[in-house]
Every structure is written in structure tokens, then in C-alpha cells.
Amino acid sequence: MQIQPQQPTVKNPPEWFTGDVWLDPVASPQQEGQRMSAGLVRFAPCAGTAWHSHPGGQTLRVVEGVASMQARGGEVVEVRAGQTVVTPPGEEHWHGAAPDSFMTHLALWETPDGEPSAIWGDHVSDEEYRAPR
């Protein structure tokens, strides 16, 4: 067993996020063969990710507030605290806080050897973000 030192909270980069979004790193690979990473991500109202996908997929557990999420070609959905969303490998999607709520989620993902952890695309347009739920 090894207690990991606490990592500092960082503000996520504007190239990949809109609005105010902060990350607390939770886990990263520590030994050969490990691929899982995790982070606690906090979004201000209306803040969100750009379109992106994960080569190994991603699991999101909303722990506080209300999230807005969408898979490319799908409808925008609201996800509430206590709900979990799984995006399969390669599925392009975005996620963020609902317009009137802060939101925190635990993000978990695996990164296959030699792959980036995420492939980032364009920012979500206002029309996409504000689509009916």
C-alpha cells in the first residue's frame, strides 16, 4: 500500500474547455501495465469540455449538481448526482455543467499503450450546448 501525495488543483486549459473548470488529479498509472487514470473535475454553470473521445473509453460519475452531456449525433441529456455515464472507446462526446448548476464529476479512463488519453476536437457551439434536453 502506498499513500499518494495530494496533487494541486489545476485549471483546465481553454483549448479543451469553455468556462471555469478545475481538475484535482486522483489516480494515474504507477506501475508498468497500469492504464487507469482518474480525476475529480469541477465545472461552473455553463462550463464544459470541447468535443473529444478517449481511445480506451471513459466513465463519468456525477457527484454533485447537474451535468449536460451529448454523444455526437445524439440528444443532449441531463445527468444528476449519483448517476454514472459510460462512453465507449472512440465515441466523440462532450460534458459540462447545466446552465444553472455547478457540477462535479469523477472521470475515469484507461489509456491504451502508445495512445493519447483523449483526442480533442472543436469547442461545443452555443446552439449545441443549449439544445433541448
Protein backbone atom coordinates (compact mmCIF):
# COMPACT_ATOMS: atom_id res chain seq x y z
CA MET A 1 0.00 0.00 0.00
CA GLN A 2 1.21 3.49 -0.79
CA ILE A 3 -0.44 6.79 0.13
CA GLN A 4 -0.02 9.19 -2.76
CA PRO A 5 0.79 12.83 -2.14
CA GLN A 6 -2.05 15.23 -2.86
CA GLN A 7 -1.70 16.91 -6.23
CA PRO A 8 -2.57 20.60 -6.61
CA THR A 9 -5.85 21.65 -8.20
CA VAL A 10 -5.27 22.93 -11.74
CA LYS A 11 -7.47 24.98 -14.05
CA ASN A 12 -8.19 23.10 -17.24
CA PRO A 13 -6.83 24.62 -20.48
CA PRO A 14 -9.07 26.85 -22.64
CA GLU A 15 -8.08 24.87 -25.73
CA TRP A 16 -10.15 21.94 -24.41
CA PHE A 17 -12.70 23.62 -22.10
CA THR A 18 -15.01 26.63 -22.02
CA GLY A 19 -15.81 28.50 -18.83
CA ASP A 20 -14.24 27.78 -15.47
CA VAL A 21 -13.24 24.14 -14.98
CA TRP A 22 -10.85 22.76 -12.35
CA LEU A 23 -9.20 19.35 -12.05
CA ASP A 24 -8.00 17.50 -8.98
CA PRO A 25 -5.90 14.56 -10.19
CA VAL A 26 -6.94 11.38 -8.34
CA ALA A 27 -5.06 8.50 -9.96
CA SER A 28 -2.58 7.82 -12.73
CA PRO A 29 -0.63 4.74 -13.78
CA GLN A 30 2.04 3.98 -11.18
CA GLN A 31 3.46 0.70 -12.48
CA GLU A 32 4.06 -0.98 -15.81
CA GLY A 33 0.85 -2.39 -17.24
CA GLN A 34 -1.44 0.02 -15.41
CA ARG A 35 -3.56 2.25 -17.66
CA MET A 36 -6.25 3.78 -15.45
CA SER A 37 -6.41 7.49 -14.66
CA ALA A 38 -9.00 9.40 -12.65
CA GLY A 39 -9.76 12.99 -11.86
CA LEU A 40 -12.32 14.97 -9.89
CA VAL A 41 -13.49 17.74 -12.22
CA ARG A 42 -15.48 20.80 -11.11
CA PHE A 43 -17.45 22.89 -13.61
CA ALA A 44 -19.02 26.32 -13.09
CA PRO A 45 -22.51 26.76 -14.60
CA CYS A 46 -22.37 26.64 -18.44
CA ALA A 47 -18.73 25.43 -18.41
CA GLY A 48 -17.89 22.33 -20.39
CA THR A 49 -15.47 20.33 -22.46
CA ALA A 50 -14.82 20.56 -26.16
CA TRP A 51 -15.85 17.61 -28.32
CA HIS A 52 -13.47 14.74 -27.57
CA SER A 53 -13.09 10.99 -27.43
CA HIS A 54 -11.00 8.54 -25.42
CA PRO A 55 -9.24 5.59 -27.11
CA GLY A 56 -9.99 3.45 -24.03
CA GLY A 57 -13.44 4.93 -23.26
CA GLN A 58 -14.46 6.99 -20.24
CA THR A 59 -16.69 6.59 -17.20
CA LEU A 60 -18.17 9.68 -15.54
CA ARG A 61 -19.84 9.62 -12.11
CA VAL A 62 -21.68 12.86 -11.33
CA VAL A 63 -21.13 13.50 -7.63
CA GLU A 64 -22.66 16.97 -7.30
CA GLY A 65 -25.03 19.15 -9.31
CA VAL A 66 -26.46 18.58 -12.77
CA ALA A 67 -24.44 17.75 -15.88
CA SER A 68 -25.28 18.25 -19.53
CA MET A 69 -23.78 15.64 -21.87
CA GLN A 70 -24.05 14.65 -25.52
CA ALA A 71 -22.62 11.96 -27.77
CA ARG A 72 -22.04 13.05 -31.37
CA GLY A 73 -25.34 12.66 -33.22
CA GLY A 74 -27.33 12.11 -30.01
CA GLU A 75 -29.51 14.31 -27.86
CA VAL A 76 -28.24 16.49 -25.02
CA VAL A 77 -29.09 14.73 -21.75
CA GLU A 78 -29.12 15.85 -18.14
CA VAL A 79 -27.29 13.65 -15.66
CA ARG A 80 -27.80 14.17 -11.94
CA ALA A 81 -25.67 13.48 -8.89
CA GLY A 82 -25.47 9.74 -8.26
CA GLN A 83 -25.75 8.77 -11.94
CA THR A 84 -22.95 7.23 -14.00
CA VAL A 85 -22.38 7.56 -17.74
CA VAL A 86 -20.09 5.30 -19.79
CA THR A 87 -18.75 6.39 -23.17
CA PRO A 88 -17.26 3.57 -25.23
CA PRO A 89 -13.80 3.78 -26.80
CA GLY A 90 -13.66 6.32 -29.60
CA GLU A 91 -17.14 7.82 -29.03
CA GLU A 92 -17.00 11.57 -29.57
CA HIS A 93 -18.83 13.44 -26.81
CA TRP A 94 -18.84 16.47 -24.53
CA HIS A 95 -19.88 17.08 -20.92
CA GLY A 96 -20.25 20.05 -18.64
CA ALA A 97 -22.40 21.80 -16.09
CA ALA A 98 -26.04 22.60 -16.74
CA PRO A 99 -26.76 26.31 -17.32
CA ASP A 100 -27.96 26.91 -13.76
CA SER A 101 -25.88 24.50 -11.69
CA PHE A 102 -22.32 23.86 -10.64
CA MET A 103 -21.35 20.26 -11.35
CA THR A 104 -18.62 17.91 -10.17
CA HIS A 105 -17.85 14.53 -11.69
CA LEU A 106 -15.33 11.80 -11.14
CA ALA A 107 -13.81 10.95 -14.52
CA LEU A 108 -12.15 7.55 -15.03
CA TRP A 109 -10.42 6.43 -18.21
CA GLU A 110 -7.89 3.93 -19.47
CA THR A 111 -5.23 4.90 -21.94
CA PRO A 112 -4.03 2.08 -24.24
CA ASP A 113 -0.25 1.86 -24.64
CA GLY A 114 1.06 4.34 -27.16
CA GLU A 115 -2.26 6.25 -27.41
CA PRO A 116 -3.14 9.74 -26.15
CA SER A 117 -5.55 9.83 -23.21
CA ALA A 118 -8.00 11.93 -25.25
CA ILE A 119 -8.42 13.18 -28.79
CA TRP A 120 -9.70 16.76 -28.69
CA GLY A 121 -11.88 18.45 -31.29
CA ASP A 122 -13.79 21.70 -31.72
CA HIS A 123 -15.46 23.60 -28.92
CA VAL A 124 -19.16 22.91 -28.43
CA SER A 125 -21.21 25.64 -30.09
CA ASP A 126 -23.80 27.64 -28.14
CA GLU A 127 -26.50 26.01 -30.27
CA GLU A 128 -25.25 22.51 -29.39
CA TYR A 129 -24.98 23.34 -25.69
CA ARG A 130 -28.41 24.94 -25.49
CA ALA A 131 -30.23 22.21 -27.46
CA PRO A 132 -33.41 20.99 -25.74
CA ARG A 133 -32.90 18.38 -23.03
